[in-house]
Protein backbone atom coordinates (compact mmCIF):
# COMPACT_ATOMS: atom_id res chain seq x y z
CA MET A 1 56.55 43.73 -75.93
CA ALA A 2 53.30 43.22 -77.76
CA LEU A 3 51.55 39.91 -77.98
CA ARG A 4 49.06 39.09 -80.62
CA LEU A 5 46.58 36.33 -79.91
CA THR A 6 44.48 35.49 -82.86
CA ASN A 7 42.75 32.37 -81.71
CA SER A 8 40.12 31.91 -78.96
CA ILE A 9 42.32 29.63 -76.88
CA GLY A 10 44.84 32.34 -76.39
CA LEU A 11 42.19 34.82 -75.31
CA LYS A 12 40.87 32.36 -72.80
CA LEU A 13 44.33 31.76 -71.31
CA LEU A 14 44.93 35.49 -71.07
CA LYS A 15 41.64 36.02 -69.31
CA GLU A 16 42.37 33.30 -66.72
CA SER A 17 45.83 34.71 -66.03
CA CYS A 18 44.42 38.17 -65.48
CA MET A 19 41.75 36.84 -63.10
CA GLY A 20 44.50 35.60 -60.83
CA PHE A 21 45.71 39.18 -60.30
CA LEU A 22 42.19 40.51 -59.69
CA ALA A 23 41.85 39.04 -56.17
CA PRO A 24 39.31 40.69 -53.82
CA VAL A 25 40.81 43.77 -52.22
CA THR A 26 40.08 44.31 -48.54
CA SER A 27 40.53 47.69 -46.96
CA SER A 28 39.36 49.47 -43.86
CA VAL A 29 36.97 51.63 -45.91
CA ASN A 30 35.16 49.19 -48.13
CA GLU A 31 35.14 45.44 -48.62
CA ILE A 32 34.68 43.68 -51.89
CA VAL A 33 33.07 40.24 -51.56
CA ARG A 34 32.21 37.99 -54.47
CA HIS A 35 29.34 35.53 -54.04
CA HIS A 36 28.74 32.59 -56.31
CA LYS A 37 25.27 31.01 -56.34
CA HIS A 38 24.30 28.11 -58.43
CA TRP A 39 20.88 28.65 -60.01
CA ASP A 40 21.01 25.89 -62.53
CA PRO A 41 17.36 24.90 -63.30
CA LYS A 42 18.17 21.21 -63.49
CA PHE A 43 18.82 21.16 -59.70
CA LYS A 44 15.36 22.51 -58.79
CA TRP A 45 14.23 19.10 -57.50
CA LEU A 46 17.17 19.01 -55.11
CA ARG A 47 16.26 22.38 -53.68
CA ARG A 48 12.65 21.31 -53.42
CA ALA A 49 13.65 18.14 -51.54
CA LYS A 50 15.08 20.27 -48.73
CA VAL A 51 11.59 21.45 -47.75
CA MET A 52 9.01 19.14 -46.17
CA LYS A 53 5.38 20.16 -46.26
CA LEU A 54 3.57 19.19 -43.08
CA GLU A 55 -0.17 19.09 -42.60
CA LEU A 56 -0.76 20.98 -39.37
CA PRO A 57 -3.69 19.96 -37.20
CA LYS A 58 -6.74 22.16 -37.17
CA PHE A 59 -7.20 23.07 -33.55
CA ASN A 60 -10.49 24.89 -34.10
CA GLU A 61 -12.30 21.73 -35.17
CA ASP A 62 -14.46 19.91 -32.68
CA PRO A 63 -13.74 16.15 -32.88
CA ASP A 64 -17.10 15.33 -31.27
CA SER A 65 -18.92 16.89 -34.21
CA PHE A 66 -17.50 14.37 -36.71
CA SER A 67 -19.63 11.49 -37.84
CA GLU A 68 -18.39 7.91 -37.69
CA GLU A 69 -17.71 7.90 -41.43
CA GLU A 70 -15.62 11.08 -41.23
CA VAL A 71 -13.59 9.68 -38.32
CA ARG A 72 -13.12 6.42 -40.19
CA SER A 73 -11.99 8.18 -43.40
CA ARG A 74 -9.54 10.43 -41.52
CA LEU A 75 -8.01 7.48 -39.68
CA LYS A 76 -7.79 5.52 -42.92
CA ALA A 77 -6.03 8.43 -44.64
CA LYS A 78 -3.43 8.53 -41.85
CA GLY A 79 -3.06 4.74 -41.77
CA LEU A 80 -4.27 4.41 -38.17
CA LEU A 81 -6.49 1.80 -36.59
CA PRO A 82 -9.64 2.88 -34.73
CA PRO A 83 -9.08 3.22 -30.95
CA ARG A 84 -10.26 0.39 -28.74
CA PRO A 85 -12.07 1.03 -25.46
CA TYR A 86 -9.49 0.66 -22.66
CA THR A 87 -11.23 -0.79 -19.63
CA GLU A 88 -8.25 -2.26 -17.78
CA LYS A 89 -7.00 -0.62 -14.60
CA GLN A 90 -3.62 -0.92 -12.99
CA PHE A 91 -3.56 -2.44 -9.53
CA PHE A 92 -0.89 -3.56 -7.12
CA ILE A 93 -1.30 -6.55 -4.82
CA SER A 94 0.66 -5.68 -1.69
CA ASN A 95 -0.78 -8.43 0.51
CA THR A 96 -3.04 -11.45 0.38
CA GLY A 97 -6.62 -11.63 1.58
CA GLY A 98 -6.08 -14.24 4.28
CA VAL A 99 -3.87 -17.05 5.53
CA PHE A 100 -2.86 -19.74 3.01
CA GLU A 101 -3.01 -22.67 5.40
CA PRO A 102 -4.06 -21.52 8.88
CA TYR A 103 -2.13 -23.14 11.69
CA VAL A 104 -4.31 -25.19 14.02
CA PRO A 105 -2.93 -24.80 17.57
CA PRO A 106 -3.10 -27.97 19.68
CA GLU A 107 -5.57 -27.90 22.53
CA GLY A 108 -4.05 -27.03 25.87
CA ASP A 109 -0.96 -25.43 24.34
CA GLY A 110 0.97 -23.45 26.94
CA LYS A 111 -0.49 -25.49 29.82
CA VAL A 112 0.33 -29.10 28.91
CA SER A 113 3.83 -30.33 29.68
CA ALA A 114 5.85 -32.19 27.06
CA ILE A 115 6.30 -35.07 29.52
CA THR A 116 2.59 -35.96 29.52
CA ALA A 117 0.95 -38.08 26.80
CA GLN A 118 -0.98 -35.13 25.38
CA GLY A 119 2.14 -32.96 25.27
CA ALA A 120 4.13 -35.71 23.51
CA LYS A 121 1.34 -36.05 20.93
CA GLN A 122 1.51 -32.33 20.25
CA LYS A 123 5.25 -32.51 19.65
CA LEU A 124 4.81 -35.46 17.26
CA THR A 125 2.16 -33.60 15.24
CA PHE A 126 4.43 -30.55 15.08
CA LEU A 127 7.31 -32.67 13.70
CA GLU A 128 5.06 -34.22 11.03
CA LYS A 129 4.17 -30.78 9.63
CA LYS A 130 7.75 -29.53 9.83
CA SER A 131 8.69 -30.77 6.33
CA LYS A 132 6.37 -28.28 4.60
CA THR A 133 7.71 -25.52 6.82
CA MET A 134 11.31 -26.35 5.89
CA MET A 135 10.44 -26.30 2.17
CA ALA A 136 8.76 -22.93 2.57
CA ILE A 137 11.75 -21.50 4.46
CA ARG A 138 14.02 -22.75 1.66
CA LYS A 139 11.79 -20.91 -0.83
CA ILE A 140 12.01 -17.74 1.28
CA LYS A 141 15.81 -18.01 1.33
CA SER A 142 15.87 -18.10 -2.48
CA PHE A 143 14.44 -14.57 -2.44
CA GLU A 144 16.02 -13.37 0.81
CA GLU A 145 19.55 -14.74 1.05
CA ASP A 146 20.22 -13.32 4.52
CA PHE A 147 17.13 -14.96 6.04
CA ASP A 148 17.86 -16.66 9.37
CA SER A 149 15.27 -18.03 11.80
CA PRO A 150 16.79 -16.61 15.05
CA THR A 151 17.31 -13.20 13.42
CA PHE A 152 13.77 -13.24 12.03
CA LEU A 153 12.30 -14.09 15.46
CA LYS A 154 14.04 -11.06 17.00
CA GLN A 155 12.71 -8.91 14.16
CA ALA A 156 9.20 -10.36 14.59
CA GLU A 157 9.22 -9.60 18.31
CA GLU A 158 10.31 -6.02 17.59
CA ILE A 159 7.54 -5.61 15.01
CA TYR A 160 5.03 -6.99 17.53
CA LYS A 161 6.10 -4.44 20.16
CA LYS A 162 6.23 -1.49 17.75
CA MET A 163 2.74 -2.26 16.44
CA HIS A 164 1.26 -2.17 19.94
CA GLU A 165 3.16 1.03 20.80
CA CYS A 166 1.73 2.73 17.70
CA LEU A 167 -1.71 1.51 18.72
CA VAL A 168 -1.28 3.01 22.19
CA HIS A 169 -0.26 6.39 20.73
CA GLN A 170 -3.00 6.25 18.04
CA ASP A 171 -0.33 6.62 15.33
CA LYS A 172 -2.32 5.60 12.25
CA ASP A 173 0.46 6.46 9.80
CA GLY A 174 3.20 4.68 11.71
CA ILE A 175 1.18 1.51 12.21
CA GLN A 176 1.06 0.94 8.44
CA SER A 177 4.75 -0.02 8.57
CA TYR A 178 4.00 -2.93 10.92
CA VAL A 179 0.65 -4.33 9.70
CA THR A 180 -0.66 -5.22 6.26
CA GLU A 181 -3.54 -3.47 4.54
CA ARG A 182 -5.81 -6.39 5.43
CA ALA A 183 -5.03 -6.21 9.16
CA TYR A 184 -5.10 -2.40 9.32
CA PRO A 185 -8.90 -1.97 9.79
CA GLU A 186 -9.02 -4.86 12.26
CA VAL A 187 -6.28 -3.36 14.42
CA LEU A 188 -7.87 0.10 14.52
CA HIS A 189 -11.42 -1.15 15.00
CA ASN A 190 -13.23 0.62 17.84
CA VAL A 191 -10.15 2.36 19.29
CA GLU A 192 -11.32 5.94 18.74
CA LEU A 193 -11.91 8.01 21.86
CA LYS A 194 -10.23 5.30 23.92
CA THR A 195 -7.16 5.48 26.15
CA ILE A 196 -4.99 2.37 25.94
CA ARG A 197 -2.28 1.45 28.40
CA TRP A 198 -0.14 -1.48 27.23
CA LYS A 199 3.17 -2.78 28.49
CA PHE A 200 5.30 -5.76 27.46
CA LEU A 201 6.80 -7.30 30.59
CA GLU A 202 8.67 -10.48 29.66
CA ASN A 203 8.71 -13.67 27.61
CA ILE A 204 7.45 -16.75 29.43
CA GLU A 205 8.73 -18.86 26.51
CA LEU A 206 10.95 -17.70 23.69
CA PRO A 207 9.03 -17.15 20.43
CA TYR A 208 9.49 -19.78 17.73
CA ILE A 209 8.24 -20.53 14.23
CA VAL A 210 5.40 -23.06 14.16
CA GLN A 211 4.57 -22.87 10.45
CA ALA A 212 5.76 -21.29 7.20
CA ARG A 213 4.03 -21.29 3.82
CA CYS A 214 4.58 -19.74 0.38
CA THR A 215 2.17 -19.27 -2.51
CA ASP A 216 1.89 -17.41 -5.80
CA ILE A 217 -0.87 -15.00 -6.85
CA VAL A 218 -1.92 -14.24 -10.46
CA THR A 219 1.51 -15.25 -11.83
CA LYS A 220 4.00 -17.86 -10.68
CA GLU A 221 6.68 -15.20 -10.14
CA ASN A 222 4.49 -13.15 -7.78
CA ILE A 223 5.19 -15.06 -4.55
CA PHE A 224 4.11 -14.22 -1.00
CA GLY A 225 5.51 -15.76 2.16
CA GLN A 226 3.77 -16.23 5.51
CA ILE A 227 5.34 -17.30 8.79
CA THR A 228 3.30 -18.10 11.92
CA VAL A 229 5.12 -17.28 15.17
CA ARG A 230 4.06 -18.43 18.62
CA PHE A 231 4.31 -15.80 21.37
CA HIS A 232 3.90 -16.75 25.03
CA THR A 233 4.42 -13.55 26.99
CA LYS A 234 3.41 -11.65 30.09
CA GLN A 235 1.68 -8.34 29.37
CA MET A 236 -0.33 -5.60 31.01
CA LEU A 237 -3.33 -4.02 29.28
CA ALA A 238 -5.90 -1.45 30.41
CA ILE A 239 -8.48 0.32 28.25
CA TYR A 240 -10.35 3.45 29.35
CA ASP A 241 -13.31 5.07 27.63
CA ARG A 242 -13.57 8.75 26.72
CA PHE A 243 -14.72 9.62 30.27
CA GLY A 244 -11.70 7.93 31.85
CA ARG A 245 -13.63 4.92 33.16
CA LEU A 246 -11.93 1.52 33.06
CA MET A 247 -13.48 -0.71 30.41
CA HIS A 248 -11.13 -3.66 30.24
CA GLY A 249 -8.02 -5.01 31.95
CA SER A 250 -5.93 -3.47 34.68
CA GLU A 251 -2.76 -1.44 35.02
CA ILE A 252 -1.75 -3.42 38.11
CA LEU A 253 -2.42 -7.04 37.23
CA ALA A 254 -0.26 -8.76 34.59
CA LYS A 255 -1.60 -11.64 32.54
CA ASP A 256 -0.09 -14.49 30.53
CA VAL A 257 -0.82 -14.08 26.81
CA LEU A 258 -0.53 -16.91 24.28
CA GLU A 259 -0.79 -15.70 20.68
CA TYR A 260 -0.14 -17.10 17.20
CA VAL A 261 0.77 -14.20 14.93
CA VAL A 262 1.06 -14.54 11.14
CA PHE A 263 3.74 -12.39 9.48
CA GLU A 264 3.61 -11.83 5.74
CA LYS A 265 6.03 -10.50 3.15
CA HIS A 266 5.80 -9.89 -0.59
CA LEU A 267 8.86 -11.92 -1.56
CA ALA A 268 8.78 -10.94 -5.24
CA ASN A 269 8.96 -7.27 -4.26
CA GLU A 270 12.55 -6.13 -3.75
CA TYR A 271 11.41 -3.61 -1.12
CA GLY A 272 8.95 -5.91 0.67
CA ILE A 273 9.03 -6.06 4.47
CA TRP A 274 7.67 -8.46 7.08
CA ARG A 275 4.43 -7.21 8.61
CA ILE A 276 1.72 -8.58 10.89
CA HIS A 277 -1.05 -10.06 8.78
CA GLN A 278 -3.39 -11.85 11.18
CA LYS A 279 -3.72 -13.43 14.62
CA ILE A 280 -4.93 -17.01 14.82
CA ILE A 281 -7.45 -17.55 17.62
CA PRO A 282 -8.04 -21.27 18.32
CA ASP A 283 -11.50 -22.60 19.08
CA TRP A 284 -10.50 -23.88 22.49
CA MET A 285 -9.31 -20.46 23.63
CA PRO A 286 -11.50 -19.18 26.50
CA PRO A 287 -13.73 -16.22 25.62
CA LYS A 288 -12.59 -12.72 26.48
CA GLU A 289 -13.90 -10.94 29.52
CA PRO A 290 -16.91 -8.73 28.76
CA VAL A 291 -16.36 -5.00 28.66
CA GLN A 292 -17.52 -3.11 31.73
CA ARG A 293 -20.11 -0.57 30.65
CA THR A 294 -22.07 2.10 32.55
CA TYR A 295 -25.76 2.81 32.07
CA ILE A 296 -28.23 5.47 33.21
CA LYS A 297 -30.21 4.37 36.25
CA GLU A 298 -33.95 3.93 35.78
CA PRO A 299 -36.37 6.18 37.80
CA GLU A 300 -37.79 3.22 39.79
CA ARG A 301 -34.30 2.13 40.75
CA ILE A 302 -33.44 5.65 41.90
CA GLN A 303 -36.61 5.76 44.04
CA SER A 304 -35.89 2.42 45.70
CA VAL A 305 -32.29 3.38 46.44
CA ALA A 306 -33.34 6.73 47.86
CA ALA A 307 -36.04 5.08 50.04
CA LYS A 308 -33.47 2.73 51.52
CA ASP A 309 -31.13 5.60 52.33
CA ALA A 310 -33.85 7.76 53.96
CA PRO A 311 -36.87 5.63 54.99
CA GLY A 312 -38.62 8.46 56.87
CA GLU A 313 -38.31 11.02 54.05
CA LYS A 314 -40.39 11.29 50.93
CA VAL A 315 -38.55 11.16 47.63
CA LEU A 316 -39.98 13.21 44.81
CA ILE A 317 -39.19 11.95 41.34
CA GLU A 318 -40.37 13.75 38.29
CA GLU A 319 -41.98 11.25 35.97
CA PRO A 320 -41.77 11.86 32.23
CA PRO A 321 -44.99 13.28 30.71
CA THR A 322 -47.21 10.53 29.38
CA LYS A 323 -49.97 12.64 27.81
CA ILE A 324 -49.66 15.09 24.99
CA GLU A 325 -51.95 17.99 24.35
CA GLY A 326 -54.35 17.99 21.46
CA LYS A 327 -52.30 20.07 19.03
CA HIS A 328 -49.15 18.09 19.63
CA GLU A 329 -51.08 14.84 19.47
CA GLN A 330 -52.42 15.74 16.03
CA ALA A 331 -48.95 16.68 14.85
CA VAL A 332 -47.51 13.39 16.09
CA ALA A 333 -50.36 11.41 14.52
CA ALA A 334 -49.80 13.21 11.22
């Protein structure tokens, strides 16, 4: 059957119908793939928008060689402000530099009985200052919900013992967990080449809190807490020098020790811990015993001692040379 199509519409329909039968043929030998790409010139700007031109930095340039005007023009072209000199330094305040309100121990504490007039006066003064202490403890509890005075006193006594044990063993790293950075140099002062024997025997009186204070540093949120604890204990202390000679104390005799120890904690710090900050030494406390030192005996003293031991014998002592020869004298004078 023959079809005659005289108009263009018919030819177009015939062409489209034939294209449906001319699907791509796929075989194991060859593969016919038809690609369609759109190269319409009016979409050039869309293809150009896909690419971003970046200005790469020139690493071979020396920034120190630029003048101030060149630096200013380059920053202005990039829309940047000139850098400001940064002089601030980060710092962390882990402890305070002293005691906020040092506790003044009453005279004769530890010796005066509460029945006497002086002892009753001490108790009255302690009760008058108790209001500030209660307010400070309330502030501490706002940061540390589990704070309890009896529990804290047990913890304070343990810190006190551990600090002295670290001092005996010369453990400089371990002692940092029990004393603040301010007390660290004071605790380790003049303990090198020394042998320390220390022993905690018993409590004469149970430790108790005599004062508590809180304060803020730099900002109102940065709060530190300090608690002064009274220790009345019986201890043994002996200190030997590097030659093994006894300098202070005794390993046999025990002594009563009355101390007022200030414990501090950075309350604003979530990981803050209570540490020994300072010991309060009252003015009425008797002075410490002087350290026993050894000296070299003088030649005259040696001669007199030797003459007493052997009166009939002559003791020869070499005296140091008092004169210097000419050459050495010139050198010394020069």
